[in-house]
Amino acid sequence: MLAHPSGSGGRDRGGRARLNGPLTDIDEQELNVNKTELRDAIASHAELTNAQADKALEAVISSITTAVAGGDKVTVPGFGTFESRERSARTGRNPQTGETMEIAASKAPAFKPAAAFKNAVNG
């Protein structure tokens, strides 16, 4: 489970799991981490200020987004690969009216987890 700077765990008022323990631990309970909690965990683990961790997190997200949008694959060894996948045009159905409609071809972002990440999640 991710490390929370305050060292507290449990659940917050919204029912989300709070971060605690070292970054490499995986908790068996459901964990919903928002961007601020992830930034705090990065700051704590890497001994950065929240502002520095926020810049680092933004840089990673921006770099991955720009690369994938440009058609490149981004591979993080031990974590996984981010890529864009083509979706072909297809016929769909409007669920409200039942009317048949054409759905245009598109690109969708995709993530393929690495074996090490899968093994960590599966224990």
PDB file of N, CA and C in Angstrom:
ATOM      1  N   MET A   1       0.834  -1.165   0.000  1.00  0.00           N
ATOM      2  CA  MET A   1       0.000   0.000   0.000  1.00  0.00           C
ATOM      3  C   MET A   1       0.883   1.232   0.000  1.00  0.00           C
ATOM      4  N   LEU A   2       0.435   2.327  -0.513  1.00  0.00           N
ATOM      5  CA  LEU A   2       1.225   3.535  -0.614  1.00  0.00           C
ATOM      6  C   LEU A   2       1.416   4.188   0.745  1.00  0.00           C
ATOM      7  N   ALA A   3       2.520   4.900   0.912  1.00  0.00           N
ATOM      8  CA  ALA A   3       2.815   5.551   2.182  1.00  0.00           C
ATOM      9  C   ALA A   3       2.102   6.884   2.286  1.00  0.00           C
ATOM     10  N   HIS A   4       1.454   7.114   3.404  1.00  0.00           N
ATOM     11  CA  HIS A   4       0.803   8.399   3.646  1.00  0.00           C
ATOM     12  C   HIS A   4       1.713   9.188   4.575  1.00  0.00           C
ATOM     13  N   PRO A   5       1.967  10.470   4.271  1.00  0.00           N
ATOM     14  CA  PRO A   5       2.900  11.252   5.071  1.00  0.00           C
ATOM     15  C   PRO A   5       2.551  11.289   6.555  1.00  0.00           C
ATOM     16  N   SER A   6       1.292  11.267   6.898  1.00  0.00           N
ATOM     17  CA  SER A   6       0.902  11.306   8.303  1.00  0.00           C
ATOM     18  C   SER A   6       1.031   9.935   8.963  1.00  0.00           C
ATOM     19  N   GLY A   7       1.219   8.910   8.158  1.00  0.00           N
ATOM     20  CA  GLY A   7       1.343   7.559   8.679  1.00  0.00           C
ATOM     21  C   GLY A   7       0.013   6.943   9.058  1.00  0.00           C
ATOM     22  N   SER A   8      -1.079   7.646   8.787  1.00  0.00           N
ATOM     23  CA  SER A   8      -2.394   7.132   9.166  1.00  0.00           C
ATOM     24  C   SER A   8      -2.922   6.194   8.097  1.00  0.00           C
ATOM     25  N   GLY A   9      -3.820   5.327   8.505  1.00  0.00           N
ATOM     26  CA  GLY A   9      -4.426   4.399   7.563  1.00  0.00           C
ATOM     27  C   GLY A   9      -5.917   4.393   7.722  1.00  0.00           C
ATOM     28  N   GLY A  10      -6.567   3.325   7.323  1.00  0.00           N
ATOM     29  CA  GLY A  10      -8.009   3.224   7.438  1.00  0.00           C
ATOM     30  C   GLY A  10      -8.715   3.854   6.259  1.00  0.00           C
ATOM     31  N   ARG A  11      -9.886   4.436   6.520  1.00  0.00           N
ATOM     32  CA  ARG A  11     -10.676   5.036   5.444  1.00  0.00           C
ATOM     33  C   ARG A  11     -10.981   6.478   5.783  1.00  0.00           C
ATOM     34  N   ASP A  12     -11.063   7.324   4.747  1.00  0.00           N
ATOM     35  CA  ASP A  12     -11.429   8.719   4.965  1.00  0.00           C
ATOM     36  C   ASP A  12     -12.949   8.843   5.031  1.00  0.00           C
ATOM     37  N   ARG A  13     -13.435  10.062   5.177  1.00  0.00           N
ATOM     38  CA  ARG A  13     -14.879  10.273   5.306  1.00  0.00           C
ATOM     39  C   ARG A  13     -15.651   9.839   4.073  1.00  0.00           C
ATOM     40  N   GLY A  14     -15.005   9.878   2.913  1.00  0.00           N
ATOM     41  CA  GLY A  14     -15.667   9.465   1.676  1.00  0.00           C
ATOM     42  C   GLY A  14     -15.640   7.965   1.450  1.00  0.00           C
ATOM     43  N   GLY A  15     -15.050   7.207   2.373  1.00  0.00           N
ATOM     44  CA  GLY A  15     -15.011   5.753   2.241  1.00  0.00           C
ATOM     45  C   GLY A  15     -13.806   5.251   1.457  1.00  0.00           C
ATOM     46  N   ARG A  16     -12.947   6.179   0.973  1.00  0.00           N
ATOM     47  CA  ARG A  16     -11.746   5.757   0.244  1.00  0.00           C
ATOM     48  C   ARG A  16     -10.699   5.271   1.232  1.00  0.00           C
ATOM     49  N   ALA A  17      -9.925   4.299   0.823  1.00  0.00           N
ATOM     50  CA  ALA A  17      -8.862   3.806   1.678  1.00  0.00           C
ATOM     51  C   ALA A  17      -7.787   4.877   1.811  1.00  0.00           C
ATOM     52  N   ARG A  18      -7.290   5.077   3.034  1.00  0.00           N
ATOM     53  CA  ARG A  18      -6.207   6.017   3.239  1.00  0.00           C
ATOM     54  C   ARG A  18      -4.901   5.281   3.011  1.00  0.00           C
ATOM     55  N   LEU A  19      -3.881   6.016   2.686  1.00  0.00           N
ATOM     56  CA  LEU A  19      -2.583   5.438   2.399  1.00  0.00           C
ATOM     57  C   LEU A  19      -1.804   5.197   3.679  1.00  0.00           C
ATOM     58  N   ASN A  20      -1.127   4.052   3.762  1.00  0.00           N
ATOM     59  CA  ASN A  20      -0.227   3.804   4.871  1.00  0.00           C
ATOM     60  C   ASN A  20       0.757   2.722   4.483  1.00  0.00           C
ATOM     61  N   GLY A  21       1.800   2.539   5.262  1.00  0.00           N
ATOM     62  CA  GLY A  21       2.792   1.515   4.990  1.00  0.00           C
ATOM     63  C   GLY A  21       3.742   1.934   3.892  1.00  0.00           C
ATOM     64  N   PRO A  22       4.774   1.136   3.621  1.00  0.00           N
ATOM     65  CA  PRO A  22       5.734   1.475   2.578  1.00  0.00           C
ATOM     66  C   PRO A  22       5.105   1.414   1.192  1.00  0.00           C
ATOM     67  N   LEU A  23       5.719   2.143   0.257  1.00  0.00           N
ATOM     68  CA  LEU A  23       5.190   2.229  -1.100  1.00  0.00           C
ATOM     69  C   LEU A  23       5.082   0.873  -1.780  1.00  0.00           C
ATOM     70  N   THR A  24       5.947  -0.055  -1.449  1.00  0.00           N
ATOM     71  CA  THR A  24       5.970  -1.332  -2.156  1.00  0.00           C
ATOM     72  C   THR A  24       4.967  -2.336  -1.610  1.00  0.00           C
ATOM     73  N   ASP A  25       4.366  -2.067  -0.449  1.00  0.00           N
ATOM     74  CA  ASP A  25       3.383  -3.005   0.099  1.00  0.00           C
ATOM     75  C   ASP A  25       2.083  -2.926  -0.677  1.00  0.00           C
ATOM     76  N   ILE A  26       1.425  -4.048  -0.833  1.00  0.00           N
ATOM     77  CA  ILE A  26       0.119  -4.093  -1.473  1.00  0.00           C
ATOM     78  C   ILE A  26      -0.890  -4.507  -0.405  1.00  0.00           C
ATOM     79  N   ASP A  27      -1.943  -3.739  -0.248  1.00  0.00           N
ATOM     80  CA  ASP A  27      -2.975  -4.061   0.729  1.00  0.00           C
ATOM     81  C   ASP A  27      -4.056  -4.868   0.023  1.00  0.00           C
ATOM     82  N   GLU A  28      -4.659  -5.800   0.713  1.00  0.00           N
ATOM     83  CA  GLU A  28      -5.687  -6.638   0.111  1.00  0.00           C
ATOM     84  C   GLU A  28      -7.024  -5.929   0.007  1.00  0.00           C
ATOM     85  N   GLN A  29      -7.228  -4.833   0.773  1.00  0.00           N
ATOM     86  CA  GLN A  29      -8.497  -4.110   0.678  1.00  0.00           C
ATOM     87  C   GLN A  29      -8.501  -3.231  -0.564  1.00  0.00           C
ATOM     88  N   GLU A  30      -9.680  -2.848  -0.993  1.00  0.00           N
ATOM     89  CA  GLU A  30      -9.817  -1.973  -2.148  1.00  0.00           C
ATOM     90  C   GLU A  30      -9.166  -0.635  -1.838  1.00  0.00           C
ATOM     91  N   LEU A  31      -8.376  -0.117  -2.766  1.00  0.00           N
ATOM     92  CA  LEU A  31      -7.673   1.138  -2.560  1.00  0.00           C
ATOM     93  C   LEU A  31      -7.998   2.080  -3.702  1.00  0.00           C
ATOM     94  N   ASN A  32      -8.614   3.209  -3.381  1.00  0.00           N
ATOM     95  CA  ASN A  32      -8.858   4.252  -4.356  1.00  0.00           C
ATOM     96  C   ASN A  32      -7.978   5.425  -3.975  1.00  0.00           C
ATOM     97  N   VAL A  33      -6.995   5.711  -4.799  1.00  0.00           N
ATOM     98  CA  VAL A  33      -6.043   6.770  -4.522  1.00  0.00           C
ATOM     99  C   VAL A  33      -6.292   7.910  -5.494  1.00  0.00           C
ATOM    100  N   ASN A  34      -6.484   9.123  -4.957  1.00  0.00           N
ATOM    101  CA  ASN A  34      -6.633  10.254  -5.861  1.00  0.00           C
ATOM    102  C   ASN A  34      -5.269  10.880  -6.137  1.00  0.00           C
ATOM    103  N   LYS A  35      -5.245  11.862  -7.005  1.00  0.00           N
ATOM    104  CA  LYS A  35      -3.980  12.461  -7.436  1.00  0.00           C
ATOM    105  C   LYS A  35      -3.235  13.113  -6.269  1.00  0.00           C
ATOM    106  N   THR A  36      -3.953  13.757  -5.375  1.00  0.00           N
ATOM    107  CA  THR A  36      -3.314  14.408  -4.231  1.00  0.00           C
ATOM    108  C   THR A  36      -2.673  13.378  -3.314  1.00  0.00           C
ATOM    109  N   GLU A  37      -3.352  12.265  -3.062  1.00  0.00           N
ATOM    110  CA  GLU A  37      -2.791  11.217  -2.222  1.00  0.00           C
ATOM    111  C   GLU A  37      -1.571  10.578  -2.879  1.00  0.00           C
ATOM    112  N   LEU A  38      -1.612  10.414  -4.204  1.00  0.00           N
ATOM    113  CA  LEU A  38      -0.465   9.878  -4.919  1.00  0.00           C
ATOM    114  C   LEU A  38       0.708  10.846  -4.823  1.00  0.00           C
ATOM    115  N   ARG A  39       0.444  12.142  -4.998  1.00  0.00           N
ATOM    116  CA  ARG A  39       1.490  13.159  -4.875  1.00  0.00           C
ATOM    117  C   ARG A  39       2.099  13.119  -3.480  1.00  0.00           C
ATOM    118  N   ASP A  40       1.261  13.013  -2.450  1.00  0.00           N
ATOM    119  CA  ASP A  40       1.751  12.957  -1.074  1.00  0.00           C
ATOM    120  C   ASP A  40       2.626  11.725  -0.849  1.00  0.00           C
ATOM    121  N   ALA A  41       2.235  10.592  -1.418  1.00  0.00           N
ATOM    122  CA  ALA A  41       3.015   9.364  -1.283  1.00  0.00           C
ATOM    123  C   ALA A  41       4.360   9.497  -1.986  1.00  0.00           C
ATOM    124  N   ILE A  42       4.366  10.122  -3.162  1.00  0.00           N
ATOM    125  CA  ILE A  42       5.624  10.351  -3.883  1.00  0.00           C
ATOM    126  C   ILE A  42       6.524  11.266  -3.072  1.00  0.00           C
ATOM    127  N   ALA A  43       5.961  12.339  -2.535  1.00  0.00           N
ATOM    128  CA  ALA A  43       6.741  13.289  -1.736  1.00  0.00           C
ATOM    129  C   ALA A  43       7.366  12.596  -0.524  1.00  0.00           C
ATOM    130  N   SER A  44       6.579  11.779   0.145  1.00  0.00           N
ATOM    131  CA  SER A  44       7.065  11.078   1.331  1.00  0.00           C
ATOM    132  C   SER A  44       8.145  10.061   0.975  1.00  0.00           C
ATOM    133  N   HIS A  45       7.899   9.266  -0.034  1.00  0.00           N
ATOM    134  CA  HIS A  45       8.825   8.198  -0.416  1.00  0.00           C
ATOM    135  C   HIS A  45      10.146   8.746  -0.966  1.00  0.00           C
ATOM    136  N   ALA A  46      10.071   9.805  -1.790  1.00  0.00           N
ATOM    137  CA  ALA A  46      11.266  10.355  -2.431  1.00  0.00           C
ATOM    138  C   ALA A  46      11.859  11.528  -1.652  1.00  0.00           C
ATOM    139  N   GLU A  47      11.281  11.822  -0.485  1.00  0.00           N
ATOM    140  CA  GLU A  47      11.735  12.934   0.346  1.00  0.00           C
ATOM    141  C   GLU A  47      11.766  14.241  -0.439  1.00  0.00           C
ATOM    142  N   LEU A  48      10.645  14.534  -1.088  1.00  0.00           N
ATOM    143  CA  LEU A  48      10.466  15.768  -1.852  1.00  0.00           C
ATOM    144  C   LEU A  48       9.407  16.617  -1.164  1.00  0.00           C
ATOM    145  N   THR A  49       9.387  17.907  -1.508  1.00  0.00           N
ATOM    146  CA  THR A  49       8.284  18.736  -1.048  1.00  0.00           C
ATOM    147  C   THR A  49       7.059  18.362  -1.875  1.00  0.00           C
ATOM    148  N   ASN A  50       5.873  18.737  -1.401  1.00  0.00           N
ATOM    149  CA  ASN A  50       4.663  18.460  -2.170  1.00  0.00           C
ATOM    150  C   ASN A  50       4.717  19.147  -3.525  1.00  0.00           C
ATOM    151  N   ALA A  51       5.279  20.353  -3.584  1.00  0.00           N
ATOM    152  CA  ALA A  51       5.380  21.081  -4.854  1.00  0.00           C
ATOM    153  C   ALA A  51       6.293  20.340  -5.829  1.00  0.00           C
ATOM    154  N   GLN A  52       7.418  19.830  -5.337  1.00  0.00           N
ATOM    155  CA  GLN A  52       8.338  19.078  -6.199  1.00  0.00           C
ATOM    156  C   GLN A  52       7.698  17.773  -6.669  1.00  0.00           C
ATOM    157  N   ALA A  53       7.020  17.085  -5.771  1.00  0.00           N
ATOM    158  CA  ALA A  53       6.356  15.828  -6.129  1.00  0.00           C
ATOM    159  C   ALA A  53       5.245  16.085  -7.133  1.00  0.00           C
ATOM    160  N   ASP A  54       4.520  17.203  -6.969  1.00  0.00           N
ATOM    161  CA  ASP A  54       3.452  17.553  -7.901  1.00  0.00           C
ATOM    162  C   ASP A  54       4.026  17.809  -9.291  1.00  0.00           C
ATOM    163  N   LYS A  55       5.154  18.517  -9.360  1.00  0.00           N
ATOM    164  CA  LYS A  55       5.800  18.770 -10.657  1.00  0.00           C
ATOM    165  C   LYS A  55       6.261  17.466 -11.291  1.00  0.00           C
ATOM    166  N   ALA A  56       6.808  16.573 -10.494  1.00  0.00           N
ATOM    167  CA  ALA A  56       7.272  15.280 -11.013  1.00  0.00           C
ATOM    168  C   ALA A  56       6.100  14.453 -11.531  1.00  0.00           C
ATOM    169  N   LEU A  57       5.013  14.401 -10.769  1.00  0.00           N
ATOM    170  CA  LEU A  57       3.833  13.644 -11.178  1.00  0.00           C
ATOM    171  C   LEU A  57       3.242  14.231 -12.449  1.00  0.00           C
ATOM    172  N   GLU A  58       3.125  15.550 -12.512  1.00  0.00           N
ATOM    173  CA  GLU A  58       2.612  16.221 -13.721  1.00  0.00           C
ATOM    174  C   GLU A  58       3.504  15.932 -14.923  1.00  0.00           C
ATOM    175  N   ALA A  59       4.825  15.921 -14.717  1.00  0.00           N
ATOM    176  CA  ALA A  59       5.756  15.640 -15.812  1.00  0.00           C
ATOM    177  C   ALA A  59       5.576  14.223 -16.347  1.00  0.00           C
ATOM    178  N   VAL A  60       5.388  13.266 -15.456  1.00  0.00           N
ATOM    179  CA  VAL A  60       5.190  11.872 -15.876  1.00  0.00           C
ATOM    180  C   VAL A  60       3.878  11.739 -16.645  1.00  0.00           C
ATOM    181  N   ILE A  61       2.802  12.271 -16.087  1.00  0.00           N
ATOM    182  CA  ILE A  61       1.497  12.176 -16.750  1.00  0.00           C
ATOM    183  C   ILE A  61       1.522  12.870 -18.105  1.00  0.00           C
ATOM    184  N   SER A  62       2.091  14.061 -18.159  1.00  0.00           N
ATOM    185  CA  SER A  62       2.160  14.819 -19.407  1.00  0.00           C
ATOM    186  C   SER A  62       3.005  14.099 -20.455  1.00  0.00           C
ATOM    187  N   SER A  63       4.130  13.560 -20.030  1.00  0.00           N
ATOM    188  CA  SER A  63       5.019  12.849 -20.966  1.00  0.00           C
ATOM    189  C   SER A  63       4.353  11.601 -21.538  1.00  0.00           C
ATOM    190  N   ILE A  64       3.684  10.834 -20.688  1.00  0.00           N
ATOM    191  CA  ILE A  64       2.993   9.626 -21.150  1.00  0.00           C
ATOM    192  C   ILE A  64       1.855  10.011 -22.090  1.00  0.00           C
ATOM    193  N   THR A  65       1.078  11.021 -21.721  1.00  0.00           N
ATOM    194  CA  THR A  65      -0.055  11.463 -22.541  1.00  0.00           C
ATOM    195  C   THR A  65       0.408  11.936 -23.906  1.00  0.00           C
ATOM    196  N   THR A  66       1.448  12.763 -23.944  1.00  0.00           N
ATOM    197  CA  THR A  66       1.967  13.294 -25.207  1.00  0.00           C
ATOM    198  C   THR A  66       2.498  12.174 -26.101  1.00  0.00           C
ATOM    199  N   ALA A  67       3.236  11.247 -25.516  1.00  0.00           N
ATOM    200  CA  ALA A  67       3.806  10.147 -26.299  1.00  0.00           C
ATOM    201  C   ALA A  67       2.721   9.249 -26.867  1.00  0.00           C
ATOM    202  N   VAL A  68       1.753   8.850 -26.047  1.00  0.00           N
ATOM    203  CA  VAL A  68       0.682   7.949 -26.501  1.00  0.00           C
ATOM    204  C   VAL A  68      -0.192   8.652 -27.538  1.00  0.00           C
ATOM    205  N   ALA A  69      -0.488   9.936 -27.319  1.00  0.00           N
ATOM    206  CA  ALA A  69      -1.291  10.685 -28.291  1.00  0.00           C
ATOM    207  C   ALA A  69      -0.567  10.800 -29.623  1.00  0.00           C
ATOM    208  N   GLY A  70       0.764  10.791 -29.591  1.00  0.00           N
ATOM    209  CA  GLY A  70       1.562  10.854 -30.809  1.00  0.00           C
ATOM    210  C   GLY A  70       1.771   9.494 -31.467  1.00  0.00           C
ATOM    211  N   GLY A  71       1.189   8.450 -30.904  1.00  0.00           N
ATOM    212  CA  GLY A  71       1.291   7.119 -31.495  1.00  0.00           C
ATOM    213  C   GLY A  71       2.429   6.275 -30.962  1.00  0.00           C
ATOM    214  N   ASP A  72       3.147   6.759 -29.958  1.00  0.00           N
ATOM    215  CA  ASP A  72       4.261   6.004 -29.384  1.00  0.00           C
ATOM    216  C   ASP A  72       3.786   5.108 -28.247  1.00  0.00           C
ATOM    217  N   LYS A  73       4.572   4.085 -27.958  1.00  0.00           N
ATOM    218  CA  LYS A  73       4.347   3.242 -26.789  1.00  0.00           C
ATOM    219  C   LYS A  73       5.285   3.740 -25.697  1.00  0.00           C
ATOM    220  N   VAL A  74       4.815   3.715 -24.462  1.00  0.00           N
ATOM    221  CA  VAL A  74       5.647   4.078 -23.321  1.00  0.00           C
ATOM    222  C   VAL A  74       5.718   2.855 -22.417  1.00  0.00           C
ATOM    223  N   THR A  75       6.921   2.324 -22.261  1.00  0.00           N
ATOM    224  CA  THR A  75       7.120   1.135 -21.449  1.00  0.00           C
ATOM    225  C   THR A  75       7.885   1.500 -20.185  1.00  0.00           C
ATOM    226  N   VAL A  76       7.316   1.141 -19.042  1.00  0.00           N
ATOM    227  CA  VAL A  76       7.972   1.329 -17.757  1.00  0.00           C
ATOM    228  C   VAL A  76       8.276  -0.087 -17.249  1.00  0.00           C
ATOM    229  N   PRO A  77       9.550  -0.510 -17.326  1.00  0.00           N
ATOM    230  CA  PRO A  77       9.892  -1.878 -16.925  1.00  0.00           C
ATOM    231  C   PRO A  77       9.407  -2.193 -15.508  1.00  0.00           C
ATOM    232  N   GLY A  78       8.798  -3.354 -15.368  1.00  0.00           N
ATOM    233  CA  GLY A  78       8.280  -3.786 -14.083  1.00  0.00           C
ATOM    234  C   GLY A  78       6.899  -3.225 -13.763  1.00  0.00           C
ATOM    235  N   PHE A  79       6.410  -2.273 -14.574  1.00  0.00           N
ATOM    236  CA  PHE A  79       5.097  -1.680 -14.334  1.00  0.00           C
ATOM    237  C   PHE A  79       4.148  -1.980 -15.475  1.00  0.00           C
ATOM    238  N   GLY A  80       4.517  -1.583 -16.705  1.00  0.00           N
ATOM    239  CA  GLY A  80       3.654  -1.878 -17.838  1.00  0.00           C
ATOM    240  C   GLY A  80       3.893  -0.969 -19.020  1.00  0.00           C
ATOM    241  N   THR A  81       3.033  -1.106 -20.030  1.00  0.00           N
ATOM    242  CA  THR A  81       3.146  -0.360 -21.273  1.00  0.00           C
ATOM    243  C   THR A  81       1.860   0.411 -21.541  1.00  0.00           C
ATOM    244  N   PHE A  82       2.026   1.694 -21.831  1.00  0.00           N
ATOM    245  CA  PHE A  82       0.915   2.558 -22.232  1.00  0.00           C
ATOM    246  C   PHE A  82       0.970   2.671 -23.743  1.00  0.00           C
ATOM    247  N   GLU A  83      -0.171   2.552 -24.414  1.00  0.00           N
ATOM    248  CA  GLU A  83      -0.202   2.654 -25.866  1.00  0.00           C
ATOM    249  C   GLU A  83      -1.575   3.100 -26.331  1.00  0.00           C
ATOM    250  N   SER A  84      -1.669   3.377 -27.618  1.00  0.00           N
ATOM    251  CA  SER A  84      -2.930   3.739 -28.241  1.00  0.00           C
ATOM    252  C   SER A  84      -3.371   2.557 -29.096  1.00  0.00           C
ATOM    253  N   ARG A  85      -4.639   2.204 -29.017  1.00  0.00           N
ATOM    254  CA  ARG A  85      -5.164   1.105 -29.829  1.00  0.00           C
ATOM    255  C   ARG A  85      -6.270   1.625 -30.736  1.00  0.00           C
ATOM    256  N   GLU A  86      -6.288   1.102 -31.952  1.00  0.00           N
ATOM    257  CA  GLU A  86      -7.292   1.487 -32.946  1.00  0.00           C
ATOM    258  C   GLU A  86      -8.591   0.733 -32.683  1.00  0.00           C
ATOM    259  N   ARG A  87      -9.684   1.445 -32.733  1.00  0.00           N
ATOM    260  CA  ARG A  87     -11.011   0.825 -32.666  1.00  0.00           C
ATOM    261  C   ARG A  87     -11.658   1.030 -34.025  1.00  0.00           C
ATOM    262  N   SER A  88     -12.074  -0.043 -34.630  1.00  0.00           N
ATOM    263  CA  SER A  88     -12.674   0.057 -35.955  1.00  0.00           C
ATOM    264  C   SER A  88     -14.112   0.574 -35.857  1.00  0.00           C
ATOM    265  N   ALA A  89     -14.595   1.087 -36.972  1.00  0.00           N
ATOM    266  CA  ALA A  89     -15.987   1.552 -37.029  1.00  0.00           C
ATOM    267  C   ALA A  89     -16.903   0.334 -36.855  1.00  0.00           C
ATOM    268  N   ARG A  90     -18.042   0.566 -36.240  1.00  0.00           N
ATOM    269  CA  ARG A  90     -18.957  -0.545 -36.007  1.00  0.00           C
ATOM    270  C   ARG A  90     -20.389  -0.033 -35.908  1.00  0.00           C
ATOM    271  N   THR A  91     -21.309  -0.953 -35.981  1.00  0.00           N
ATOM    272  CA  THR A  91     -22.724  -0.614 -35.846  1.00  0.00           C
ATOM    273  C   THR A  91     -23.115  -0.838 -34.392  1.00  0.00           C
ATOM    274  N   GLY A  92     -23.789   0.168 -33.826  1.00  0.00           N
ATOM    275  CA  GLY A  92     -24.239   0.075 -32.447  1.00  0.00           C
ATOM    276  C   GLY A  92     -25.729   0.308 -32.368  1.00  0.00           C
ATOM    277  N   ARG A  93     -26.230   0.354 -31.167  1.00  0.00           N
ATOM    278  CA  ARG A  93     -27.658   0.562 -30.965  1.00  0.00           C
ATOM    279  C   ARG A  93     -27.840   1.584 -29.854  1.00  0.00           C
ATOM    280  N   ASN A  94     -28.711   2.558 -30.094  1.00  0.00           N
ATOM    281  CA  ASN A  94     -29.052   3.547 -29.092  1.00  0.00           C
ATOM    282  C   ASN A  94     -29.875   2.847 -28.015  1.00  0.00           C
ATOM    283  N   PRO A  95     -29.394   2.818 -26.769  1.00  0.00           N
ATOM    284  CA  PRO A  95     -30.111   2.073 -25.738  1.00  0.00           C
ATOM    285  C   PRO A  95     -31.477   2.675 -25.367  1.00  0.00           C
ATOM    286  N   GLN A  96     -31.668   3.958 -25.621  1.00  0.00           N
ATOM    287  CA  GLN A  96     -32.945   4.580 -25.275  1.00  0.00           C
ATOM    288  C   GLN A  96     -34.021   4.305 -26.321  1.00  0.00           C
ATOM    289  N   THR A  97     -33.600   4.366 -27.613  1.00  0.00           N
ATOM    290  CA  THR A  97     -34.587   4.222 -28.681  1.00  0.00           C
ATOM    291  C   THR A  97     -34.524   2.873 -29.377  1.00  0.00           C
ATOM    292  N   GLY A  98     -33.402   2.175 -29.232  1.00  0.00           N
ATOM    293  CA  GLY A  98     -33.228   0.912 -29.936  1.00  0.00           C
ATOM    294  C   GLY A  98     -32.812   1.112 -31.384  1.00  0.00           C
ATOM    295  N   GLU A  99     -32.663   2.367 -31.795  1.00  0.00           N
ATOM    296  CA  GLU A  99     -32.294   2.697 -33.177  1.00  0.00           C
ATOM    297  C   GLU A  99     -30.849   2.279 -33.461  1.00  0.00           C
ATOM    298  N   THR A 100     -30.634   1.696 -34.645  1.00  0.00           N
ATOM    299  CA  THR A 100     -29.300   1.316 -35.072  1.00  0.00           C
ATOM    300  C   THR A 100     -28.542   2.570 -35.499  1.00  0.00           C
ATOM    301  N   MET A 101     -27.239   2.618 -35.126  1.00  0.00           N
ATOM    302  CA  MET A 101     -26.425   3.772 -35.496  1.00  0.00           C
ATOM    303  C   MET A 101     -24.999   3.336 -35.779  1.00  0.00           C
ATOM    304  N   GLU A 102     -24.294   4.124 -36.573  1.00  0.00           N
ATOM    305  CA  GLU A 102     -22.902   3.828 -36.890  1.00  0.00           C
ATOM    306  C   GLU A 102     -22.000   4.525 -35.875  1.00  0.00           C
ATOM    307  N   ILE A 103     -21.061   3.795 -35.327  1.00  0.00           N
ATOM    308  CA  ILE A 103     -20.083   4.343 -34.399  1.00  0.00           C
ATOM    309  C   ILE A 103     -18.774   4.480 -35.169  1.00  0.00           C
ATOM    310  N   ALA A 104     -18.228   5.688 -35.194  1.00  0.00           N
ATOM    311  CA  ALA A 104     -17.028   5.977 -35.976  1.00  0.00           C
ATOM    312  C   ALA A 104     -15.803   5.269 -35.402  1.00  0.00           C
ATOM    313  N   ALA A 105     -14.803   5.055 -36.265  1.00  0.00           N
ATOM    314  CA  ALA A 105     -13.523   4.510 -35.830  1.00  0.00           C
ATOM    315  C   ALA A 105     -12.869   5.521 -34.895  1.00  0.00           C
ATOM    316  N   SER A 106     -12.086   5.020 -33.953  1.00  0.00           N
ATOM    317  CA  SER A 106     -11.426   5.915 -33.006  1.00  0.00           C
ATOM    318  C   SER A 106     -10.172   5.254 -32.456  1.00  0.00           C
ATOM    319  N   LYS A 107      -9.414   6.034 -31.709  1.00  0.00           N
ATOM    320  CA  LYS A 107      -8.259   5.516 -30.985  1.00  0.00           C
ATOM    321  C   LYS A 107      -8.601   5.559 -29.508  1.00  0.00           C
ATOM    322  N   ALA A 108      -8.121   4.572 -28.762  1.00  0.00           N
ATOM    323  CA  ALA A 108      -8.363   4.526 -27.322  1.00  0.00           C
ATOM    324  C   ALA A 108      -7.041   4.265 -26.603  1.00  0.00           C
ATOM    325  N   PRO A 109      -6.798   4.960 -25.504  1.00  0.00           N
ATOM    326  CA  PRO A 109      -5.587   4.663 -24.737  1.00  0.00           C
ATOM    327  C   PRO A 109      -5.720   3.291 -24.081  1.00  0.00           C
ATOM    328  N   ALA A 110      -4.594   2.597 -23.944  1.00  0.00           N
ATOM    329  CA  ALA A 110      -4.616   1.261 -23.344  1.00  0.00           C
ATOM    330  C   ALA A 110      -3.390   1.086 -22.457  1.00  0.00           C
ATOM    331  N   PHE A 111      -3.520   0.217 -21.486  1.00  0.00           N
ATOM    332  CA  PHE A 111      -2.413  -0.109 -20.582  1.00  0.00           C
ATOM    333  C   PHE A 111      -2.303  -1.616 -20.477  1.00  0.00           C
ATOM    334  N   LYS A 112      -1.092  -2.117 -20.671  1.00  0.00           N
ATOM    335  CA  LYS A 112      -0.836  -3.547 -20.521  1.00  0.00           C
ATOM    336  C   LYS A 112       0.146  -3.712 -19.365  1.00  0.00           C
ATOM    337  N   PRO A 113      -0.298  -4.305 -18.243  1.00  0.00           N
ATOM    338  CA  PRO A 113       0.587  -4.435 -17.092  1.00  0.00           C
ATOM    339  C   PRO A 113       1.720  -5.424 -17.337  1.00  0.00           C
ATOM    340  N   ALA A 114       2.872  -5.132 -16.754  1.00  0.00           N
ATOM    341  CA  ALA A 114       4.031  -6.026 -16.835  1.00  0.00           C
ATOM    342  C   ALA A 114       3.814  -7.212 -15.901  1.00  0.00           C
ATOM    343  N   ALA A 115       4.545  -8.279 -16.139  1.00  0.00           N
ATOM    344  CA  ALA A 115       4.424  -9.494 -15.320  1.00  0.00           C
ATOM    345  C   ALA A 115       4.694  -9.200 -13.849  1.00  0.00           C
ATOM    346  N   ALA A 116       5.697  -8.379 -13.557  1.00  0.00           N
ATOM    347  CA  ALA A 116       6.030  -8.062 -12.165  1.00  0.00           C
ATOM    348  C   ALA A 116       4.870  -7.341 -11.482  1.00  0.00           C
ATOM    349  N   PHE A 117       4.202  -6.449 -12.182  1.00  0.00           N
ATOM    350  CA  PHE A 117       3.058  -5.718 -11.631  1.00  0.00           C
ATOM    351  C   PHE A 117       1.894  -6.685 -11.397  1.00  0.00           C
ATOM    352  N   LYS A 118       1.640  -7.561 -12.361  1.00  0.00           N
ATOM    353  CA  LYS A 118       0.573  -8.561 -12.205  1.00  0.00           C
ATOM    354  C   LYS A 118       0.843  -9.456 -11.005  1.00  0.00           C
ATOM    355  N   ASN A 119       2.096  -9.906 -10.871  1.00  0.00           N
ATOM    356  CA  ASN A 119       2.458 -10.775  -9.753  1.00  0.00           C
ATOM    357  C   ASN A 119       2.290 -10.065  -8.416  1.00  0.00           C
ATOM    358  N   ALA A 120       2.634  -8.776  -8.354  1.00  0.00           N
ATOM    359  CA  ALA A 120       2.485  -8.010  -7.116  1.00  0.00           C
ATOM    360  C   ALA A 120       1.018  -7.880  -6.739  1.00  0.00           C
ATOM    361  N   VAL A 121       0.160  -7.660  -7.728  1.00  0.00           N
ATOM    362  CA  VAL A 121      -1.270  -7.519  -7.472  1.00  0.00           C
ATOM    363  C   VAL A 121      -1.883  -8.850  -7.043  1.00  0.00           C
ATOM    364  N   ASN A 122      -1.435  -9.930  -7.666  1.00  0.00           N
ATOM    365  CA  ASN A 122      -1.995 -11.251  -7.369  1.00  0.00           C
ATOM    366  C   ASN A 122      -1.363 -11.917  -6.144  1.00  0.00           C
ATOM    367  N   GLY A 123      -0.330 -11.280  -5.591  1.00  0.00           N
ATOM    368  CA  GLY A 123       0.286 -11.795  -4.355  1.00  0.00           C
ATOM    369  C   GLY A 123       1.131 -12.950  -4.636  1.00  0.00           C
TER     370      GLY A 123
END
